[in-house]
Amino acid sequence: MKSLRASLAATLTTAAAAVLVAAPPAAADPALAVSGISFSTGHVDVREAPAQVELRFTVTGADPAASEIHGSIWYAQYAGDRQIGPTEFAPYDNVDPRTGAARLSVHVPQYGATRHAEWRLLKLTATDATSGAATVEGPALAGVEVGVTQRVDSARPTHHVTTLWFGQSSRVVDPGTGVTLEYAVTVSDLQAGFWTGRLTLTGPDGRRARSAFTVASDGRHLTCGAASLVDDFFDHVLCHVPVDIAAGAPAGAWSVARVTLTDRAGNTTVVRRPAAPVVTVVRP
């Protein structure tokens, strides 16, 4: 019995020692880090023409075997503490993981809401799809901006026409679950460019239905509402605007009551009761 106890004690002692001297788990691959974020210049004058400025930064911790580093940036124009217009978005790729040196061209338009303003970097992401990802935003980007002297946008957006979208009938059957009416709104703004709008319909018993539409970018293509923009220009756009009529709404005629349009400098046009086709919603 004594021999058995001694053998068991020795076994437990050996196991405990093995636990104590076991090697710690391997450290995880270091996360990506971004440093040296800055614009190539502190100020640009675009009164004669738009310009391009370079955003520079370095990504470290990438896997040298990765094919590339890629990510996105978000930036916006400010006058003091007030943001003017939309937050711009742009993806990037083809950054060599061996050096991590990134050089991105950022477009600075010619028109804005004020003569003097700043374009500020709001967020930056980076990934090599292997070592993880990095996100830089908030106070870490304080001071990453480029001042601009620009032309002041003196014109509001121009509403050209609101009509029915291709294939939309002027008579629609609602089975009781609601319907969607699709409109086409054509807008131009030759200075800052069109940004966002709202289409309001009025129907039976004073019912209202509304839908917002916005020029959006994935960094390579522009859309307005649900339609792609021809030639990727902000200054003359065709917007696809679906408007939902809720289930339970009474049958009857729906007409366009108001179109509200805002450009990228914050100027707004309101068009009340524009000439537009009436859609009649009927029950089966």
C-alpha atoms as a PDB file:
ATOM      1  CA  MET A   1       0.000   0.000   0.000  1.00  0.00           C
ATOM      2  CA  LYS A   2       2.823   2.354   0.883  1.00  0.00           C
ATOM      3  CA  SER A   3       4.445   1.692  -2.458  1.00  0.00           C
ATOM      4  CA  LEU A   4       1.177   2.436  -4.258  1.00  0.00           C
ATOM      5  CA  ARG A   5       0.765   5.710  -2.356  1.00  0.00           C
ATOM      6  CA  ALA A   6       4.312   6.737  -3.132  1.00  0.00           C
ATOM      7  CA  SER A   7       3.871   5.910  -6.789  1.00  0.00           C
ATOM      8  CA  LEU A   8       0.616   7.905  -6.964  1.00  0.00           C
ATOM      9  CA  ALA A   9       2.204  10.869  -5.189  1.00  0.00           C
ATOM     10  CA  ALA A  10       5.128  10.814  -7.583  1.00  0.00           C
ATOM     11  CA  THR A  11       2.772  10.706 -10.549  1.00  0.00           C
ATOM     12  CA  LEU A  12       0.747  13.677  -9.252  1.00  0.00           C
ATOM     13  CA  THR A  13       3.927  15.616  -8.465  1.00  0.00           C
ATOM     14  CA  THR A  14       5.262  14.997 -11.965  1.00  0.00           C
ATOM     15  CA  ALA A  15       1.926  16.056 -13.549  1.00  0.00           C
ATOM     16  CA  ALA A  16       1.820  19.230 -11.471  1.00  0.00           C
ATOM     17  CA  ALA A  17       5.361  20.061 -12.494  1.00  0.00           C
ATOM     18  CA  ALA A  18       4.420  19.511 -16.121  1.00  0.00           C
ATOM     19  CA  VAL A  19       1.554  21.951 -15.714  1.00  0.00           C
ATOM     20  CA  LEU A  20       3.817  24.498 -14.053  1.00  0.00           C
ATOM     21  CA  VAL A  21       6.503  24.348 -16.723  1.00  0.00           C
ATOM     22  CA  ALA A  22       4.145  24.096 -19.703  1.00  0.00           C
ATOM     23  CA  ALA A  23       5.037  26.651 -22.368  1.00  0.00           C
ATOM     24  CA  PRO A  24       2.674  29.654 -22.585  1.00  0.00           C
ATOM     25  CA  PRO A  25       0.403  29.827 -25.651  1.00  0.00           C
ATOM     26  CA  ALA A  26       1.898  31.447 -28.709  1.00  0.00           C
ATOM     27  CA  ALA A  27       1.282  35.171 -28.913  1.00  0.00           C
ATOM     28  CA  ALA A  28      -1.342  36.256 -31.410  1.00  0.00           C
ATOM     29  CA  ASP A  29      -0.213  37.971 -34.568  1.00  0.00           C
ATOM     30  CA  PRO A  30       0.183  41.711 -33.940  1.00  0.00           C
ATOM     31  CA  ALA A  31      -2.741  43.830 -35.057  1.00  0.00           C
ATOM     32  CA  LEU A  32      -2.308  46.381 -37.778  1.00  0.00           C
ATOM     33  CA  ALA A  33      -1.409  49.907 -36.762  1.00  0.00           C
ATOM     34  CA  VAL A  34      -1.694  53.151 -38.716  1.00  0.00           C
ATOM     35  CA  SER A  35       0.634  56.107 -38.184  1.00  0.00           C
ATOM     36  CA  GLY A  36       1.839  59.291 -39.851  1.00  0.00           C
ATOM     37  CA  ILE A  37      -1.616  60.315 -41.087  1.00  0.00           C
ATOM     38  CA  SER A  38      -1.506  63.698 -42.814  1.00  0.00           C
ATOM     39  CA  PHE A  39      -2.478  65.613 -45.917  1.00  0.00           C
ATOM     40  CA  SER A  40       0.206  66.685 -48.375  1.00  0.00           C
ATOM     41  CA  THR A  41      -0.655  70.351 -47.845  1.00  0.00           C
ATOM     42  CA  GLY A  42      -2.301  72.441 -45.169  1.00  0.00           C
ATOM     43  CA  HIS A  43      -4.276  74.602 -47.585  1.00  0.00           C
ATOM     44  CA  VAL A  44      -5.521  74.622 -51.156  1.00  0.00           C
ATOM     45  CA  ASP A  45      -7.162  77.378 -53.218  1.00  0.00           C
ATOM     46  CA  VAL A  46      -9.840  76.002 -55.553  1.00  0.00           C
ATOM     47  CA  ARG A  47     -11.460  79.237 -56.698  1.00  0.00           C
ATOM     48  CA  GLU A  48     -10.169  78.701 -60.236  1.00  0.00           C
ATOM     49  CA  ALA A  49     -10.650  74.927 -60.443  1.00  0.00           C
ATOM     50  CA  PRO A  50     -11.152  71.834 -58.277  1.00  0.00           C
ATOM     51  CA  ALA A  51      -8.022  70.182 -56.923  1.00  0.00           C
ATOM     52  CA  GLN A  52      -6.600  66.901 -55.690  1.00  0.00           C
ATOM     53  CA  VAL A  53      -4.667  66.612 -52.431  1.00  0.00           C
ATOM     54  CA  GLU A  54      -2.787  63.581 -51.166  1.00  0.00           C
ATOM     55  CA  LEU A  55      -3.623  61.770 -47.935  1.00  0.00           C
ATOM     56  CA  ARG A  56      -0.551  59.941 -46.600  1.00  0.00           C
ATOM     57  CA  PHE A  57      -0.193  57.306 -43.893  1.00  0.00           C
ATOM     58  CA  THR A  58       1.750  54.150 -43.053  1.00  0.00           C
ATOM     59  CA  VAL A  59       0.346  50.772 -42.034  1.00  0.00           C
ATOM     60  CA  THR A  60       2.548  48.495 -39.917  1.00  0.00           C
ATOM     61  CA  GLY A  61       2.056  44.932 -38.684  1.00  0.00           C
ATOM     62  CA  ALA A  62       0.859  43.595 -42.025  1.00  0.00           C
ATOM     63  CA  ASP A  63       1.649  40.077 -43.147  1.00  0.00           C
ATOM     64  CA  PRO A  64       4.433  40.394 -45.780  1.00  0.00           C
ATOM     65  CA  ALA A  65       2.851  37.471 -47.612  1.00  0.00           C
ATOM     66  CA  ALA A  66      -0.473  39.297 -47.980  1.00  0.00           C
ATOM     67  CA  SER A  67      -1.353  40.408 -51.488  1.00  0.00           C
ATOM     68  CA  GLU A  68      -2.229  43.970 -50.473  1.00  0.00           C
ATOM     69  CA  ILE A  69      -3.497  46.321 -47.805  1.00  0.00           C
ATOM     70  CA  HIS A  70      -6.872  47.893 -48.465  1.00  0.00           C
ATOM     71  CA  GLY A  71      -9.496  49.893 -46.599  1.00  0.00           C
ATOM     72  CA  SER A  72     -11.605  53.035 -46.701  1.00  0.00           C
ATOM     73  CA  ILE A  73     -11.624  56.661 -45.620  1.00  0.00           C
ATOM     74  CA  TRP A  74     -14.473  58.964 -44.578  1.00  0.00           C
ATOM     75  CA  TYR A  75     -14.110  62.760 -44.678  1.00  0.00           C
ATOM     76  CA  ALA A  76     -16.291  65.860 -44.690  1.00  0.00           C
ATOM     77  CA  GLN A  77     -16.213  69.638 -45.028  1.00  0.00           C
ATOM     78  CA  TYR A  78     -16.534  71.806 -41.920  1.00  0.00           C
ATOM     79  CA  ALA A  79     -16.987  75.511 -41.271  1.00  0.00           C
ATOM     80  CA  GLY A  80     -15.840  75.791 -37.666  1.00  0.00           C
ATOM     81  CA  ASP A  81     -17.600  73.005 -35.761  1.00  0.00           C
ATOM     82  CA  ARG A  82     -20.452  72.694 -38.266  1.00  0.00           C
ATOM     83  CA  GLN A  83     -20.376  69.946 -40.875  1.00  0.00           C
ATOM     84  CA  ILE A  84     -21.570  71.097 -44.285  1.00  0.00           C
ATOM     85  CA  GLY A  85     -22.966  68.583 -46.721  1.00  0.00           C
ATOM     86  CA  PRO A  86     -22.526  64.819 -46.678  1.00  0.00           C
ATOM     87  CA  THR A  87     -19.770  62.634 -45.287  1.00  0.00           C
ATOM     88  CA  GLU A  88     -17.698  61.497 -48.260  1.00  0.00           C
ATOM     89  CA  PHE A  89     -16.559  57.888 -48.597  1.00  0.00           C
ATOM     90  CA  ALA A  90     -13.688  56.463 -50.637  1.00  0.00           C
ATOM     91  CA  PRO A  91     -12.176  52.972 -50.668  1.00  0.00           C
ATOM     92  CA  TYR A  92      -8.512  52.301 -51.452  1.00  0.00           C
ATOM     93  CA  ASP A  93      -6.423  49.246 -52.289  1.00  0.00           C
ATOM     94  CA  ASN A  94      -3.074  48.157 -53.772  1.00  0.00           C
ATOM     95  CA  VAL A  95      -0.997  49.286 -50.780  1.00  0.00           C
ATOM     96  CA  ASP A  96       2.187  47.179 -50.636  1.00  0.00           C
ATOM     97  CA  PRO A  97       2.200  45.236 -47.318  1.00  0.00           C
ATOM     98  CA  ARG A  98       6.011  45.182 -47.315  1.00  0.00           C
ATOM     99  CA  THR A  99       6.221  48.957 -46.917  1.00  0.00           C
ATOM    100  CA  GLY A 100       2.704  49.867 -45.781  1.00  0.00           C
ATOM    101  CA  ALA A 101       3.096  53.308 -47.373  1.00  0.00           C
ATOM    102  CA  ALA A 102      -0.261  54.667 -48.572  1.00  0.00           C
ATOM    103  CA  ARG A 103      -0.827  57.661 -50.840  1.00  0.00           C
ATOM    104  CA  LEU A 104      -4.476  58.472 -51.615  1.00  0.00           C
ATOM    105  CA  SER A 105      -5.770  61.196 -53.902  1.00  0.00           C
ATOM    106  CA  VAL A 106      -8.644  63.166 -52.336  1.00  0.00           C
ATOM    107  CA  HIS A 107     -10.879  65.364 -54.482  1.00  0.00           C
ATOM    108  CA  VAL A 108     -11.478  68.945 -53.303  1.00  0.00           C
ATOM    109  CA  PRO A 109     -14.456  70.529 -55.115  1.00  0.00           C
ATOM    110  CA  GLN A 110     -14.609  74.137 -56.205  1.00  0.00           C
ATOM    111  CA  TYR A 111     -17.857  75.220 -54.496  1.00  0.00           C
ATOM    112  CA  GLY A 112     -19.014  75.191 -50.889  1.00  0.00           C
ATOM    113  CA  ALA A 113     -21.213  77.008 -48.405  1.00  0.00           C
ATOM    114  CA  THR A 114     -18.507  79.381 -47.124  1.00  0.00           C
ATOM    115  CA  ARG A 115     -15.438  81.053 -48.632  1.00  0.00           C
ATOM    116  CA  HIS A 116     -13.126  79.368 -46.128  1.00  0.00           C
ATOM    117  CA  ALA A 117     -13.584  75.846 -44.758  1.00  0.00           C
ATOM    118  CA  GLU A 118     -11.696  72.685 -43.837  1.00  0.00           C
ATOM    119  CA  TRP A 119     -11.876  69.134 -45.165  1.00  0.00           C
ATOM    120  CA  ARG A 120     -11.400  66.826 -42.181  1.00  0.00           C
ATOM    121  CA  LEU A 121     -10.600  63.137 -42.092  1.00  0.00           C
ATOM    122  CA  LEU A 122     -13.213  61.436 -39.897  1.00  0.00           C
ATOM    123  CA  LYS A 123     -12.337  57.748 -40.118  1.00  0.00           C
ATOM    124  CA  LEU A 124      -9.745  55.446 -41.679  1.00  0.00           C
ATOM    125  CA  THR A 125      -9.731  51.639 -41.863  1.00  0.00           C
ATOM    126  CA  ALA A 126      -7.034  49.224 -43.027  1.00  0.00           C
ATOM    127  CA  THR A 127      -6.799  45.452 -43.412  1.00  0.00           C
ATOM    128  CA  ASP A 128      -4.605  42.898 -45.144  1.00  0.00           C
ATOM    129  CA  ALA A 129      -7.209  40.123 -44.683  1.00  0.00           C
ATOM    130  CA  THR A 130      -4.629  38.167 -42.633  1.00  0.00           C
ATOM    131  CA  SER A 131      -3.293  40.073 -39.633  1.00  0.00           C
ATOM    132  CA  GLY A 132      -6.571  41.660 -38.668  1.00  0.00           C
ATOM    133  CA  ALA A 133      -7.745  45.215 -39.187  1.00  0.00           C
ATOM    134  CA  ALA A 134      -7.191  48.709 -37.857  1.00  0.00           C
ATOM    135  CA  THR A 135      -9.663  51.567 -37.435  1.00  0.00           C
ATOM    136  CA  VAL A 136      -8.604  55.128 -36.633  1.00  0.00           C
ATOM    137  CA  GLU A 137     -11.250  57.729 -35.781  1.00  0.00           C
ATOM    138  CA  GLY A 138     -12.280  60.355 -33.243  1.00  0.00           C
ATOM    139  CA  PRO A 139      -9.586  62.231 -31.265  1.00  0.00           C
ATOM    140  CA  ALA A 140      -6.835  60.190 -32.955  1.00  0.00           C
ATOM    141  CA  LEU A 141      -7.549  62.145 -36.156  1.00  0.00           C
ATOM    142  CA  ALA A 142      -7.681  65.608 -34.576  1.00  0.00           C
ATOM    143  CA  GLY A 143      -5.861  68.065 -36.834  1.00  0.00           C
ATOM    144  CA  VAL A 144      -5.835  65.824 -39.907  1.00  0.00           C
ATOM    145  CA  GLU A 145      -7.420  68.381 -42.205  1.00  0.00           C
ATOM    146  CA  VAL A 146      -6.763  70.628 -45.169  1.00  0.00           C
ATOM    147  CA  GLY A 147      -7.987  74.204 -45.291  1.00  0.00           C
ATOM    148  CA  VAL A 148      -9.706  75.405 -48.450  1.00  0.00           C
ATOM    149  CA  THR A 149     -10.465  78.717 -50.076  1.00  0.00           C
ATOM    150  CA  GLN A 150     -13.385  78.097 -52.414  1.00  0.00           C
ATOM    151  CA  ARG A 151     -16.194  79.692 -54.346  1.00  0.00           C
ATOM    152  CA  VAL A 152     -19.421  80.205 -52.398  1.00  0.00           C
ATOM    153  CA  ASP A 153     -22.348  78.299 -53.895  1.00  0.00           C
ATOM    154  CA  SER A 154     -24.928  80.955 -54.763  1.00  0.00           C
ATOM    155  CA  ALA A 155     -27.533  78.751 -56.466  1.00  0.00           C
ATOM    156  CA  ARG A 156     -30.198  76.382 -55.181  1.00  0.00           C
ATOM    157  CA  PRO A 157     -30.904  73.035 -56.854  1.00  0.00           C
ATOM    158  CA  THR A 158     -33.136  73.168 -59.935  1.00  0.00           C
ATOM    159  CA  HIS A 159     -36.089  70.793 -60.208  1.00  0.00           C
ATOM    160  CA  HIS A 160     -36.676  69.776 -63.818  1.00  0.00           C
ATOM    161  CA  VAL A 161     -39.374  67.133 -63.730  1.00  0.00           C
ATOM    162  CA  THR A 162     -41.058  64.573 -61.524  1.00  0.00           C
ATOM    163  CA  THR A 163     -42.716  61.764 -63.402  1.00  0.00           C
ATOM    164  CA  LEU A 164     -43.436  58.056 -63.109  1.00  0.00           C
ATOM    165  CA  TRP A 165     -40.506  55.660 -63.197  1.00  0.00           C
ATOM    166  CA  PHE A 166     -40.107  53.399 -66.204  1.00  0.00           C
ATOM    167  CA  GLY A 167     -42.863  50.776 -66.175  1.00  0.00           C
ATOM    168  CA  GLN A 168     -44.858  52.393 -63.363  1.00  0.00           C
ATOM    169  CA  SER A 169     -48.565  52.348 -64.226  1.00  0.00           C
ATOM    170  CA  SER A 170     -50.910  55.217 -63.375  1.00  0.00           C
ATOM    171  CA  ARG A 171     -53.414  52.629 -62.103  1.00  0.00           C
ATOM    172  CA  VAL A 172     -52.308  50.226 -59.377  1.00  0.00           C
ATOM    173  CA  VAL A 173     -54.197  47.429 -57.653  1.00  0.00           C
ATOM    174  CA  ASP A 174     -53.676  47.179 -53.883  1.00  0.00           C
ATOM    175  CA  PRO A 175     -54.641  43.712 -52.591  1.00  0.00           C
ATOM    176  CA  GLY A 176     -54.733  45.104 -49.060  1.00  0.00           C
ATOM    177  CA  THR A 177     -51.062  44.725 -48.201  1.00  0.00           C
ATOM    178  CA  GLY A 178     -49.963  48.142 -49.453  1.00  0.00           C
ATOM    179  CA  VAL A 179     -48.234  49.127 -52.681  1.00  0.00           C
ATOM    180  CA  THR A 180     -45.087  50.927 -53.814  1.00  0.00           C
ATOM    181  CA  LEU A 181     -45.315  53.770 -56.336  1.00  0.00           C
ATOM    182  CA  GLU A 182     -42.121  54.547 -58.229  1.00  0.00           C
ATOM    183  CA  TYR A 183     -41.169  58.041 -59.389  1.00  0.00           C
ATOM    184  CA  ALA A 184     -38.339  59.628 -61.371  1.00  0.00           C
ATOM    185  CA  VAL A 185     -37.061  63.015 -60.159  1.00  0.00           C
ATOM    186  CA  THR A 186     -34.596  64.932 -62.331  1.00  0.00           C
ATOM    187  CA  VAL A 187     -32.481  67.587 -60.620  1.00  0.00           C
ATOM    188  CA  SER A 188     -29.527  69.766 -61.552  1.00  0.00           C
ATOM    189  CA  ASP A 189     -27.117  71.840 -59.491  1.00  0.00           C
ATOM    190  CA  LEU A 190     -24.181  73.214 -61.457  1.00  0.00           C
ATOM    191  CA  GLN A 191     -22.146  74.481 -58.521  1.00  0.00           C
ATOM    192  CA  ALA A 192     -21.801  72.333 -55.387  1.00  0.00           C
ATOM    193  CA  GLY A 193     -23.905  69.521 -56.863  1.00  0.00           C
ATOM    194  CA  PHE A 194     -27.117  67.857 -55.727  1.00  0.00           C
ATOM    195  CA  TRP A 195     -27.111  65.921 -52.441  1.00  0.00           C
ATOM    196  CA  THR A 196     -30.458  64.850 -51.000  1.00  0.00           C
ATOM    197  CA  GLY A 197     -34.217  65.282 -51.319  1.00  0.00           C
ATOM    198  CA  ARG A 198     -37.660  64.204 -50.186  1.00  0.00           C
ATOM    199  CA  LEU A 199     -40.769  63.401 -52.219  1.00  0.00           C
ATOM    200  CA  THR A 200     -44.164  63.859 -50.548  1.00  0.00           C
ATOM    201  CA  LEU A 201     -47.421  62.451 -51.918  1.00  0.00           C
ATOM    202  CA  THR A 202     -50.936  63.321 -50.852  1.00  0.00           C
ATOM    203  CA  GLY A 203     -53.770  60.818 -51.153  1.00  0.00           C
ATOM    204  CA  PRO A 204     -57.347  60.042 -50.127  1.00  0.00           C
ATOM    205  CA  ASP A 205     -58.628  61.625 -46.897  1.00  0.00           C
ATOM    206  CA  GLY A 206     -55.518  63.822 -46.722  1.00  0.00           C
ATOM    207  CA  ARG A 207     -53.178  60.869 -46.240  1.00  0.00           C
ATOM    208  CA  ARG A 208     -49.466  61.562 -46.809  1.00  0.00           C
ATOM    209  CA  ALA A 209     -46.647  59.297 -47.942  1.00  0.00           C
ATOM    210  CA  ARG A 210     -42.985  60.356 -48.039  1.00  0.00           C
ATOM    211  CA  SER A 211     -39.692  59.028 -49.271  1.00  0.00           C
ATOM    212  CA  ALA A 212     -36.167  60.428 -48.993  1.00  0.00           C
ATOM    213  CA  PHE A 213     -33.583  60.040 -51.772  1.00  0.00           C
ATOM    214  CA  THR A 214     -29.870  60.765 -51.635  1.00  0.00           C
ATOM    215  CA  VAL A 215     -26.862  60.756 -53.893  1.00  0.00           C
ATOM    216  CA  ALA A 216     -24.601  58.041 -52.480  1.00  0.00           C
ATOM    217  CA  SER A 217     -21.222  56.656 -53.471  1.00  0.00           C
ATOM    218  CA  ASP A 218     -19.459  53.353 -52.964  1.00  0.00           C
ATOM    219  CA  GLY A 219     -16.249  55.060 -53.992  1.00  0.00           C
ATOM    220  CA  ARG A 220     -16.532  53.963 -57.594  1.00  0.00           C
ATOM    221  CA  HIS A 221     -20.157  54.541 -58.585  1.00  0.00           C
ATOM    222  CA  LEU A 222     -22.814  57.092 -57.708  1.00  0.00           C
ATOM    223  CA  THR A 223     -26.481  56.346 -57.182  1.00  0.00           C
ATOM    224  CA  CYS A 224     -29.498  58.499 -56.412  1.00  0.00           C
ATOM    225  CA  GLY A 225     -32.327  56.699 -54.721  1.00  0.00           C
ATOM    226  CA  ALA A 226     -32.363  53.310 -56.420  1.00  0.00           C
ATOM    227  CA  ALA A 227     -30.898  54.330 -59.792  1.00  0.00           C
ATOM    228  CA  SER A 228     -27.323  54.618 -61.035  1.00  0.00           C
ATOM    229  CA  LEU A 229     -26.211  58.048 -62.176  1.00  0.00           C
ATOM    230  CA  VAL A 230     -25.099  58.449 -65.770  1.00  0.00           C
ATOM    231  CA  ASP A 231     -21.431  59.464 -66.052  1.00  0.00           C
ATOM    232  CA  ASP A 232     -21.043  59.755 -62.261  1.00  0.00           C
ATOM    233  CA  PHE A 233     -21.832  63.472 -62.058  1.00  0.00           C
ATOM    234  CA  PHE A 234     -23.494  65.332 -59.175  1.00  0.00           C
ATOM    235  CA  ASP A 235     -24.619  68.290 -61.276  1.00  0.00           C
ATOM    236  CA  HIS A 236     -27.431  66.644 -63.279  1.00  0.00           C
ATOM    237  CA  VAL A 237     -29.026  63.530 -61.826  1.00  0.00           C
ATOM    238  CA  LEU A 238     -31.962  61.230 -62.378  1.00  0.00           C
ATOM    239  CA  CYS A 239     -33.223  59.844 -59.073  1.00  0.00           C
ATOM    240  CA  HIS A 240     -35.334  56.714 -58.701  1.00  0.00           C
ATOM    241  CA  VAL A 241     -37.721  57.322 -55.785  1.00  0.00           C
ATOM    242  CA  PRO A 242     -39.966  54.480 -54.563  1.00  0.00           C
ATOM    243  CA  VAL A 243     -42.751  55.634 -52.215  1.00  0.00           C
ATOM    244  CA  ASP A 244     -44.566  53.097 -50.029  1.00  0.00           C
ATOM    245  CA  ILE A 245     -48.333  53.399 -49.558  1.00  0.00           C
ATOM    246  CA  ALA A 246     -49.161  51.689 -46.289  1.00  0.00           C
ATOM    247  CA  ALA A 247     -51.478  48.724 -45.978  1.00  0.00           C
ATOM    248  CA  GLY A 248     -54.978  49.816 -45.089  1.00  0.00           C
ATOM    249  CA  ALA A 249     -54.804  53.139 -46.907  1.00  0.00           C
ATOM    250  CA  PRO A 250     -58.108  53.882 -48.677  1.00  0.00           C
ATOM    251  CA  ALA A 251     -58.358  53.513 -52.436  1.00  0.00           C
ATOM    252  CA  GLY A 252     -58.112  56.679 -54.456  1.00  0.00           C
ATOM    253  CA  ALA A 253     -55.799  59.108 -56.229  1.00  0.00           C
ATOM    254  CA  TRP A 254     -52.251  59.940 -55.103  1.00  0.00           C
ATOM    255  CA  SER A 255     -50.527  63.073 -56.378  1.00  0.00           C
ATOM    256  CA  VAL A 256     -47.168  64.744 -55.784  1.00  0.00           C
ATOM    257  CA  ALA A 257     -47.597  67.414 -53.133  1.00  0.00           C
ATOM    258  CA  ARG A 258     -44.018  68.556 -52.634  1.00  0.00           C
ATOM    259  CA  VAL A 259     -40.434  67.946 -53.739  1.00  0.00           C
ATOM    260  CA  THR A 260     -37.669  69.174 -51.419  1.00  0.00           C
ATOM    261  CA  LEU A 261     -34.121  69.349 -52.812  1.00  0.00           C
ATOM    262  CA  THR A 262     -30.855  70.182 -50.994  1.00  0.00           C
ATOM    263  CA  ASP A 263     -27.421  70.596 -52.565  1.00  0.00           C
ATOM    264  CA  ARG A 264     -24.017  69.726 -51.095  1.00  0.00           C
ATOM    265  CA  ALA A 265     -23.583  73.266 -49.765  1.00  0.00           C
ATOM    266  CA  GLY A 266     -26.868  73.106 -47.834  1.00  0.00           C
ATOM    267  CA  ASN A 267     -28.996  75.252 -50.177  1.00  0.00           C
ATOM    268  CA  THR A 268     -32.607  74.018 -50.400  1.00  0.00           C
ATOM    269  CA  THR A 269     -35.363  74.307 -52.996  1.00  0.00           C
ATOM    270  CA  VAL A 270     -38.984  73.413 -52.212  1.00  0.00           C
ATOM    271  CA  VAL A 271     -41.329  72.792 -55.166  1.00  0.00           C
ATOM    272  CA  ARG A 272     -45.003  72.588 -54.201  1.00  0.00           C
ATOM    273  CA  ARG A 273     -47.460  70.668 -56.353  1.00  0.00           C
ATOM    274  CA  PRO A 274     -45.228  70.206 -59.378  1.00  0.00           C
ATOM    275  CA  ALA A 275     -46.825  69.010 -62.607  1.00  0.00           C
ATOM    276  CA  ALA A 276     -46.670  65.245 -62.205  1.00  0.00           C
ATOM    277  CA  PRO A 277     -48.875  62.269 -63.116  1.00  0.00           C
ATOM    278  CA  VAL A 278     -51.569  61.175 -60.677  1.00  0.00           C
ATOM    279  CA  VAL A 279     -51.624  57.489 -59.670  1.00  0.00           C
ATOM    280  CA  THR A 280     -54.943  55.866 -58.808  1.00  0.00           C
ATOM    281  CA  VAL A 281     -54.846  52.997 -56.322  1.00  0.00           C
ATOM    282  CA  VAL A 282     -57.798  50.623 -56.530  1.00  0.00           C
ATOM    283  CA  ARG A 283     -58.905  47.524 -54.679  1.00  0.00           C
ATOM    284  CA  PRO A 284     -59.469  44.192 -56.475  1.00  0.00           C
END
